[in-house]
């Protein structure tokens, strides 16, 4: 997580969302990151003005919003990848 946070989150498309997803609370103590790591992630997300919903995922177990769910499930192709027709 620290390596990802140390990158320029504004410069890398999707990096801030990846940090939010990695640090989000699941409600399972064995899967959730410790408080110090989540705090580091929260500070990085605040620095890039991430949406409040992403920050909320770090402090409470929350259901993904529709736009974020579509982003996680991947309705789009990665940059540079094209489907052959």
PDB file of N, CA and C in Angstrom:
ATOM      1  N   UNK A   1       0.826  -1.187   0.000  1.00  0.00           N
ATOM      2  CA  UNK A   1       0.000   0.000   0.000  1.00  0.00           C
ATOM      3  C   UNK A   1       0.871   1.251   0.000  1.00  0.00           C
ATOM      4  N   UNK A   2       1.913   1.235   0.799  1.00  0.00           N
ATOM      5  CA  UNK A   2       2.773   2.420   0.893  1.00  0.00           C
ATOM      6  C   UNK A   2       3.379   2.768  -0.471  1.00  0.00           C
ATOM      7  N   UNK A   3       3.769   1.769  -1.239  1.00  0.00           N
ATOM      8  CA  UNK A   3       4.347   2.011  -2.563  1.00  0.00           C
ATOM      9  C   UNK A   3       3.319   2.679  -3.470  1.00  0.00           C
ATOM     10  N   UNK A   4       2.102   2.205  -3.437  1.00  0.00           N
ATOM     11  CA  UNK A   4       1.041   2.788  -4.268  1.00  0.00           C
ATOM     12  C   UNK A   4       0.744   4.215  -3.840  1.00  0.00           C
ATOM     13  N   UNK A   5       0.687   4.452  -2.534  1.00  0.00           N
ATOM     14  CA  UNK A   5       0.408   5.796  -2.024  1.00  0.00           C
ATOM     15  C   UNK A   5       1.539   6.761  -2.366  1.00  0.00           C
ATOM     16  N   UNK A   6       2.770   6.265  -2.373  1.00  0.00           N
ATOM     17  CA  UNK A   6       3.912   7.135  -2.680  1.00  0.00           C
ATOM     18  C   UNK A   6       3.953   7.562  -4.147  1.00  0.00           C
ATOM     19  N   UNK A   7       3.231   6.877  -5.002  1.00  0.00           N
ATOM     20  CA  UNK A   7       3.146   7.291  -6.404  1.00  0.00           C
ATOM     21  C   UNK A   7       2.313   8.556  -6.492  1.00  0.00           C
ATOM     22  N   UNK A   8       2.395   9.240  -7.579  1.00  0.00           N
ATOM     23  CA  UNK A   8       1.578  10.432  -7.786  1.00  0.00           C
ATOM     24  C   UNK A   8       0.182   9.977  -8.186  1.00  0.00           C
ATOM     25  N   UNK A   9      -0.737   9.921  -7.222  1.00  0.00           N
ATOM     26  CA  UNK A   9      -2.076   9.390  -7.470  1.00  0.00           C
ATOM     27  C   UNK A   9      -2.848  10.193  -8.512  1.00  0.00           C
ATOM     28  N   UNK A  10      -2.549  11.468  -8.633  1.00  0.00           N
ATOM     29  CA  UNK A  10      -3.245  12.281  -9.636  1.00  0.00           C
ATOM     30  C   UNK A  10      -2.761  11.968 -11.040  1.00  0.00           C
ATOM     31  N   UNK A  11      -1.534  11.528 -11.142  1.00  0.00           N
ATOM     32  CA  UNK A  11      -0.933  11.305 -12.458  1.00  0.00           C
ATOM     33  C   UNK A  11      -1.310   9.952 -13.051  1.00  0.00           C
ATOM     34  N   UNK A  12      -1.571   8.985 -12.209  1.00  0.00           N
ATOM     35  CA  UNK A  12      -1.843   7.628 -12.684  1.00  0.00           C
ATOM     36  C   UNK A  12      -3.341   7.358 -12.619  1.00  0.00           C
ATOM     37  N   UNK A  13      -3.949   7.186 -13.778  1.00  0.00           N
ATOM     38  CA  UNK A  13      -5.382   6.957 -13.862  1.00  0.00           C
ATOM     39  C   UNK A  13      -5.768   5.702 -13.080  1.00  0.00           C
ATOM     40  N   UNK A  14      -6.699   5.846 -12.176  1.00  0.00           N
ATOM     41  CA  UNK A  14      -7.200   4.713 -11.423  1.00  0.00           C
ATOM     42  C   UNK A  14      -6.449   4.420 -10.133  1.00  0.00           C
ATOM     43  N   UNK A  15      -5.332   5.090  -9.891  1.00  0.00           N
ATOM     44  CA  UNK A  15      -4.528   4.794  -8.696  1.00  0.00           C
ATOM     45  C   UNK A  15      -5.269   5.162  -7.413  1.00  0.00           C
ATOM     46  N   UNK A  16      -5.922   6.297  -7.395  1.00  0.00           N
ATOM     47  CA  UNK A  16      -6.649   6.707  -6.188  1.00  0.00           C
ATOM     48  C   UNK A  16      -7.785   5.732  -5.892  1.00  0.00           C
ATOM     49  N   UNK A  17      -8.487   5.300  -6.917  1.00  0.00           N
ATOM     50  CA  UNK A  17      -9.572   4.329  -6.718  1.00  0.00           C
ATOM     51  C   UNK A  17      -9.011   3.001  -6.224  1.00  0.00           C
ATOM     52  N   UNK A  18      -7.854   2.609  -6.730  1.00  0.00           N
ATOM     53  CA  UNK A  18      -7.218   1.370  -6.276  1.00  0.00           C
ATOM     54  C   UNK A  18      -6.856   1.459  -4.795  1.00  0.00           C
ATOM     55  N   UNK A  19      -6.338   2.602  -4.366  1.00  0.00           N
ATOM     56  CA  UNK A  19      -6.022   2.792  -2.953  1.00  0.00           C
ATOM     57  C   UNK A  19      -7.287   2.673  -2.113  1.00  0.00           C
ATOM     58  N   UNK A  20      -8.365   3.305  -2.559  1.00  0.00           N
ATOM     59  CA  UNK A  20      -9.632   3.236  -1.821  1.00  0.00           C
ATOM     60  C   UNK A  20     -10.131   1.795  -1.718  1.00  0.00           C
ATOM     61  N   UNK A  21     -10.019   1.055  -2.792  1.00  0.00           N
ATOM     62  CA  UNK A  21     -10.492  -0.331  -2.784  1.00  0.00           C
ATOM     63  C   UNK A  21      -9.627  -1.229  -1.908  1.00  0.00           C
ATOM     64  N   UNK A  22      -8.330  -1.038  -1.949  1.00  0.00           N
ATOM     65  CA  UNK A  22      -7.432  -1.856  -1.132  1.00  0.00           C
ATOM     66  C   UNK A  22      -7.608  -1.577   0.359  1.00  0.00           C
ATOM     67  N   UNK A  23      -7.888  -0.326   0.702  1.00  0.00           N
ATOM     68  CA  UNK A  23      -7.961   0.062   2.107  1.00  0.00           C
ATOM     69  C   UNK A  23      -9.375   0.028   2.678  1.00  0.00           C
ATOM     70  N   UNK A  24     -10.374  -0.258   1.876  1.00  0.00           N
ATOM     71  CA  UNK A  24     -11.754  -0.192   2.359  1.00  0.00           C
ATOM     72  C   UNK A  24     -12.028  -1.240   3.418  1.00  0.00           C
ATOM     73  N   UNK A  25     -12.946  -0.901   4.306  1.00  0.00           N
ATOM     74  CA  UNK A  25     -13.349  -1.824   5.359  1.00  0.00           C
ATOM     75  C   UNK A  25     -14.308  -2.863   4.796  1.00  0.00           C
ATOM     76  N   UNK A  26     -14.045  -4.115   5.126  1.00  0.00           N
ATOM     77  CA  UNK A  26     -14.926  -5.189   4.683  1.00  0.00           C
ATOM     78  C   UNK A  26     -15.790  -5.706   5.823  1.00  0.00           C
ATOM     79  N   UNK A  27     -15.404  -5.381   7.054  1.00  0.00           N
ATOM     80  CA  UNK A  27     -16.102  -5.907   8.213  1.00  0.00           C
ATOM     81  C   UNK A  27     -15.497  -7.212   8.707  1.00  0.00           C
ATOM     82  N   UNK A  28     -14.489  -7.699   8.012  1.00  0.00           N
ATOM     83  CA  UNK A  28     -13.790  -8.932   8.380  1.00  0.00           C
ATOM     84  C   UNK A  28     -12.408  -8.535   8.903  1.00  0.00           C
ATOM     85  N   UNK A  29     -12.171  -8.722  10.194  1.00  0.00           N
ATOM     86  CA  UNK A  29     -10.906  -8.283  10.799  1.00  0.00           C
ATOM     87  C   UNK A  29      -9.682  -8.924  10.164  1.00  0.00           C
ATOM     88  N   UNK A  30      -9.822 -10.115   9.621  1.00  0.00           N
ATOM     89  CA  UNK A  30      -8.660 -10.767   9.009  1.00  0.00           C
ATOM     90  C   UNK A  30      -8.325 -10.179   7.644  1.00  0.00           C
ATOM     91  N   UNK A  31      -9.271  -9.544   7.008  1.00  0.00           N
ATOM     92  CA  UNK A  31      -9.042  -8.963   5.679  1.00  0.00           C
ATOM     93  C   UNK A  31      -8.776  -7.462   5.721  1.00  0.00           C
ATOM     94  N   UNK A  32      -9.313  -6.792   6.718  1.00  0.00           N
ATOM     95  CA  UNK A  32      -9.152  -5.344   6.806  1.00  0.00           C
ATOM     96  C   UNK A  32      -7.718  -4.983   7.174  1.00  0.00           C
ATOM     97  N   UNK A  33      -7.233  -3.899   6.577  1.00  0.00           N
ATOM     98  CA  UNK A  33      -5.904  -3.384   6.902  1.00  0.00           C
ATOM     99  C   UNK A  33      -5.929  -2.724   8.275  1.00  0.00           C
ATOM    100  N   UNK A  34      -4.764  -2.596   8.882  1.00  0.00           N
ATOM    101  CA  UNK A  34      -4.735  -1.971  10.207  1.00  0.00           C
ATOM    102  C   UNK A  34      -4.999  -0.471  10.100  1.00  0.00           C
ATOM    103  N   UNK A  35      -5.298   0.135  11.227  1.00  0.00           N
ATOM    104  CA  UNK A  35      -5.696   1.547  11.262  1.00  0.00           C
ATOM    105  C   UNK A  35      -4.633   2.481  10.704  1.00  0.00           C
ATOM    106  N   UNK A  36      -3.356   2.188  10.962  1.00  0.00           N
ATOM    107  CA  UNK A  36      -2.282   3.057  10.469  1.00  0.00           C
ATOM    108  C   UNK A  36      -2.234   3.081   8.940  1.00  0.00           C
ATOM    109  N   UNK A  37      -2.417   1.937   8.323  1.00  0.00           N
ATOM    110  CA  UNK A  37      -2.379   1.857   6.861  1.00  0.00           C
ATOM    111  C   UNK A  37      -3.606   2.539   6.268  1.00  0.00           C
ATOM    112  N   UNK A  38      -4.763   2.332   6.881  1.00  0.00           N
ATOM    113  CA  UNK A  38      -5.981   3.000   6.390  1.00  0.00           C
ATOM    114  C   UNK A  38      -5.863   4.511   6.551  1.00  0.00           C
ATOM    115  N   UNK A  39      -5.215   4.971   7.619  1.00  0.00           N
ATOM    116  CA  UNK A  39      -5.009   6.407   7.828  1.00  0.00           C
ATOM    117  C   UNK A  39      -4.093   6.977   6.742  1.00  0.00           C
ATOM    118  N   UNK A  40      -3.045   6.237   6.400  1.00  0.00           N
ATOM    119  CA  UNK A  40      -2.143   6.637   5.317  1.00  0.00           C
ATOM    120  C   UNK A  40      -2.911   6.748   4.001  1.00  0.00           C
ATOM    121  N   UNK A  41      -3.753   5.767   3.739  1.00  0.00           N
ATOM    122  CA  UNK A  41      -4.566   5.785   2.515  1.00  0.00           C
ATOM    123  C   UNK A  41      -5.532   6.963   2.525  1.00  0.00           C
ATOM    124  N   UNK A  42      -6.158   7.225   3.670  1.00  0.00           N
ATOM    125  CA  UNK A  42      -7.105   8.344   3.774  1.00  0.00           C
ATOM    126  C   UNK A  42      -6.406   9.672   3.514  1.00  0.00           C
ATOM    127  N   UNK A  43      -5.226   9.844   4.067  1.00  0.00           N
ATOM    128  CA  UNK A  43      -4.474  11.089   3.841  1.00  0.00           C
ATOM    129  C   UNK A  43      -4.145  11.273   2.363  1.00  0.00           C
ATOM    130  N   UNK A  44      -3.746  10.188   1.698  1.00  0.00           N
ATOM    131  CA  UNK A  44      -3.421  10.258   0.268  1.00  0.00           C
ATOM    132  C   UNK A  44      -4.659  10.588  -0.558  1.00  0.00           C
ATOM    133  N   UNK A  45      -5.785  10.001  -0.196  1.00  0.00           N
ATOM    134  CA  UNK A  45      -7.027  10.276  -0.935  1.00  0.00           C
ATOM    135  C   UNK A  45      -7.502  11.704  -0.713  1.00  0.00           C
ATOM    136  N   UNK A  46      -7.360  12.196   0.505  1.00  0.00           N
ATOM    137  CA  UNK A  46      -7.733  13.598   0.772  1.00  0.00           C
ATOM    138  C   UNK A  46      -6.847  14.549  -0.024  1.00  0.00           C
ATOM    139  N   UNK A  47      -5.576  14.213  -0.159  1.00  0.00           N
ATOM    140  CA  UNK A  47      -4.633  15.078  -0.882  1.00  0.00           C
ATOM    141  C   UNK A  47      -4.997  15.225  -2.353  1.00  0.00           C
ATOM    142  N   UNK A  48      -5.625  14.189  -2.926  1.00  0.00           N
ATOM    143  CA  UNK A  48      -6.017  14.263  -4.342  1.00  0.00           C
ATOM    144  C   UNK A  48      -7.508  14.580  -4.499  1.00  0.00           C
ATOM    145  N   UNK A  49      -8.136  14.985  -3.394  1.00  0.00           N
ATOM    146  CA  UNK A  49      -9.552  15.364  -3.409  1.00  0.00           C
ATOM    147  C   UNK A  49     -10.445  14.246  -3.952  1.00  0.00           C
ATOM    148  N   UNK A  50     -10.244  13.052  -3.434  1.00  0.00           N
ATOM    149  CA  UNK A  50     -11.064  11.904  -3.840  1.00  0.00           C
ATOM    150  C   UNK A  50     -12.501  12.118  -3.367  1.00  0.00           C
ATOM    151  N   UNK A  51     -13.456  11.485  -4.031  1.00  0.00           N
ATOM    152  CA  UNK A  51     -14.856  11.621  -3.618  1.00  0.00           C
ATOM    153  C   UNK A  51     -15.070  11.180  -2.163  1.00  0.00           C
ATOM    154  N   UNK A  52     -16.017  11.836  -1.496  1.00  0.00           N
ATOM    155  CA  UNK A  52     -16.320  11.511  -0.100  1.00  0.00           C
ATOM    156  C   UNK A  52     -16.706  10.044   0.072  1.00  0.00           C
ATOM    157  N   UNK A  53     -17.371   9.475  -0.920  1.00  0.00           N
ATOM    158  CA  UNK A  53     -17.782   8.071  -0.832  1.00  0.00           C
ATOM    159  C   UNK A  53     -16.573   7.151  -0.706  1.00  0.00           C
ATOM    160  N   UNK A  54     -15.479   7.491  -1.372  1.00  0.00           N
ATOM    161  CA  UNK A  54     -14.265   6.674  -1.301  1.00  0.00           C
ATOM    162  C   UNK A  54     -13.648   6.772   0.088  1.00  0.00           C
ATOM    163  N   UNK A  55     -13.649   7.978   0.655  1.00  0.00           N
ATOM    164  CA  UNK A  55     -13.112   8.163   2.005  1.00  0.00           C
ATOM    165  C   UNK A  55     -13.982   7.459   3.042  1.00  0.00           C
ATOM    166  N   UNK A  56     -15.276   7.479   2.830  1.00  0.00           N
ATOM    167  CA  UNK A  56     -16.206   6.817   3.748  1.00  0.00           C
ATOM    168  C   UNK A  56     -15.960   5.311   3.796  1.00  0.00           C
ATOM    169  N   UNK A  57     -15.534   4.724   2.656  1.00  0.00           N
ATOM    170  CA  UNK A  57     -15.264   3.283   2.610  1.00  0.00           C
ATOM    171  C   UNK A  57     -14.130   2.887   3.548  1.00  0.00           C
ATOM    172  N   UNK A  58     -13.283   3.854   3.918  1.00  0.00           N
ATOM    173  CA  UNK A  58     -12.161   3.559   4.799  1.00  0.00           C
ATOM    174  C   UNK A  58     -12.542   3.599   6.279  1.00  0.00           C
ATOM    175  N   UNK A  59     -13.678   4.190   6.585  1.00  0.00           N
ATOM    176  CA  UNK A  59     -14.068   4.334   7.984  1.00  0.00           C
ATOM    177  C   UNK A  59     -15.304   3.529   8.357  1.00  0.00           C
ATOM    178  N   UNK A  60     -16.059   3.096   7.363  1.00  0.00           N
ATOM    179  CA  UNK A  60     -17.256   2.306   7.645  1.00  0.00           C
ATOM    180  C   UNK A  60     -17.486   1.294   6.532  1.00  0.00           C
ATOM    181  N   UNK A  61     -18.085   0.177   6.902  1.00  0.00           N
ATOM    182  CA  UNK A  61     -18.427  -0.830   5.902  1.00  0.00           C
ATOM    183  C   UNK A  61     -19.580  -0.259   5.082  1.00  0.00           C
ATOM    184  N   UNK A  62     -19.386  -0.136   3.789  1.00  0.00           N
ATOM    185  CA  UNK A  62     -20.384   0.501   2.941  1.00  0.00           C
ATOM    186  C   UNK A  62     -20.532  -0.264   1.631  1.00  0.00           C
ATOM    187  N   UNK A  63     -21.717  -0.204   1.079  1.00  0.00           N
ATOM    188  CA  UNK A  63     -21.986  -0.792  -0.225  1.00  0.00           C
ATOM    189  C   UNK A  63     -21.469   0.173  -1.285  1.00  0.00           C
ATOM    190  N   UNK A  64     -20.877  -0.382  -2.341  1.00  0.00           N
ATOM    191  CA  UNK A  64     -20.375   0.466  -3.422  1.00  0.00           C
ATOM    192  C   UNK A  64     -21.511   1.219  -4.098  1.00  0.00           C
ATOM    193  N   UNK A  65     -21.247   2.460  -4.458  1.00  0.00           N
ATOM    194  CA  UNK A  65     -22.212   3.216  -5.249  1.00  0.00           C
ATOM    195  C   UNK A  65     -22.224   2.640  -6.658  1.00  0.00           C
ATOM    196  N   UNK A  66     -23.268   2.892  -7.406  1.00  0.00           N
ATOM    197  CA  UNK A  66     -23.444   2.291  -8.736  1.00  0.00           C
ATOM    198  C   UNK A  66     -22.262   2.592  -9.659  1.00  0.00           C
ATOM    199  N   UNK A  67     -21.812   3.846  -9.682  1.00  0.00           N
ATOM    200  CA  UNK A  67     -20.689   4.215 -10.563  1.00  0.00           C
ATOM    201  C   UNK A  67     -19.416   3.476 -10.167  1.00  0.00           C
ATOM    202  N   UNK A  68     -19.180   3.337  -8.856  1.00  0.00           N
ATOM    203  CA  UNK A  68     -17.981   2.645  -8.397  1.00  0.00           C
ATOM    204  C   UNK A  68     -18.078   1.150  -8.654  1.00  0.00           C
ATOM    205  N   UNK A  69     -19.288   0.599  -8.527  1.00  0.00           N
ATOM    206  CA  UNK A  69     -19.479  -0.824  -8.812  1.00  0.00           C
ATOM    207  C   UNK A  69     -19.177  -1.121 -10.277  1.00  0.00           C
ATOM    208  N   UNK A  70     -19.626  -0.252 -11.176  1.00  0.00           N
ATOM    209  CA  UNK A  70     -19.332  -0.430 -12.603  1.00  0.00           C
ATOM    210  C   UNK A  70     -17.830  -0.338 -12.849  1.00  0.00           C
ATOM    211  N   UNK A  71     -17.172   0.544 -12.117  1.00  0.00           N
ATOM    212  CA  UNK A  71     -15.723   0.695 -12.270  1.00  0.00           C
ATOM    213  C   UNK A  71     -15.001  -0.569 -11.802  1.00  0.00           C
ATOM    214  N   UNK A  72     -15.458  -1.156 -10.706  1.00  0.00           N
ATOM    215  CA  UNK A  72     -14.845  -2.377 -10.179  1.00  0.00           C
ATOM    216  C   UNK A  72     -15.086  -3.550 -11.123  1.00  0.00           C
ATOM    217  N   UNK A  73     -16.300  -3.671 -11.629  1.00  0.00           N
ATOM    218  CA  UNK A  73     -16.645  -4.797 -12.490  1.00  0.00           C
ATOM    219  C   UNK A  73     -16.089  -4.640 -13.896  1.00  0.00           C
ATOM    220  N   UNK A  74     -15.708  -3.427 -14.256  1.00  0.00           N
ATOM    221  CA  UNK A  74     -14.983  -3.200 -15.501  1.00  0.00           C
ATOM    222  C   UNK A  74     -15.803  -3.293 -16.769  1.00  0.00           C
ATOM    223  N   UNK A  75     -16.645  -2.306 -16.984  1.00  0.00           N
ATOM    224  CA  UNK A  75     -17.393  -2.237 -18.231  1.00  0.00           C
ATOM    225  C   UNK A  75     -16.547  -1.675 -19.361  1.00  0.00           C
ATOM    226  N   UNK A  76     -15.349  -1.221 -19.055  1.00  0.00           N
ATOM    227  CA  UNK A  76     -14.492  -0.642 -20.081  1.00  0.00           C
ATOM    228  C   UNK A  76     -13.203  -1.452 -20.197  1.00  0.00           C
ATOM    229  N   UNK A  77     -12.543  -1.290 -21.323  1.00  0.00           N
ATOM    230  CA  UNK A  77     -11.253  -1.971 -21.540  1.00  0.00           C
ATOM    231  C   UNK A  77     -10.123  -1.115 -20.983  1.00  0.00           C
ATOM    232  N   UNK A  78      -9.045  -1.728 -20.580  1.00  0.00           N
ATOM    233  CA  UNK A  78      -7.879  -0.933 -20.133  1.00  0.00           C
ATOM    234  C   UNK A  78      -7.376  -0.041 -21.276  1.00  0.00           C
ATOM    235  N   UNK A  79      -6.728   1.057 -20.899  1.00  0.00           N
ATOM    236  CA  UNK A  79      -6.200   2.004 -21.881  1.00  0.00           C
ATOM    237  C   UNK A  79      -5.304   1.294 -22.883  1.00  0.00           C
ATOM    238  N   UNK A  80      -5.552   1.532 -24.179  1.00  0.00           N
ATOM    239  CA  UNK A  80      -4.719   0.957 -25.227  1.00  0.00           C
ATOM    240  C   UNK A  80      -5.193  -0.382 -25.765  1.00  0.00           C
ATOM    241  N   UNK A  81      -6.102  -1.048 -25.036  1.00  0.00           N
ATOM    242  CA  UNK A  81      -6.587  -2.354 -25.479  1.00  0.00           C
ATOM    243  C   UNK A  81      -7.837  -2.154 -26.330  1.00  0.00           C
ATOM    244  N   UNK A  82      -7.865  -2.807 -27.476  1.00  0.00           N
ATOM    245  CA  UNK A  82      -9.011  -2.696 -28.379  1.00  0.00           C
ATOM    246  C   UNK A  82      -9.499  -4.073 -28.769  1.00  0.00           C
ATOM    247  N   UNK A  83     -10.807  -4.180 -28.967  1.00  0.00           N
ATOM    248  CA  UNK A  83     -11.378  -5.435 -29.431  1.00  0.00           C
ATOM    249  C   UNK A  83     -11.281  -5.497 -30.952  1.00  0.00           C
ATOM    250  N   UNK A  84     -10.891  -6.658 -31.451  1.00  0.00           N
ATOM    251  CA  UNK A  84     -10.836  -6.841 -32.903  1.00  0.00           C
ATOM    252  C   UNK A  84     -12.253  -7.069 -33.411  1.00  0.00           C
ATOM    253  N   UNK A  85     -12.550  -6.476 -34.561  1.00  0.00           N
ATOM    254  CA  UNK A  85     -13.898  -6.668 -35.121  1.00  0.00           C
ATOM    255  C   UNK A  85     -13.871  -7.526 -36.339  1.00  0.00           C
TER     256      UNK A  85
END
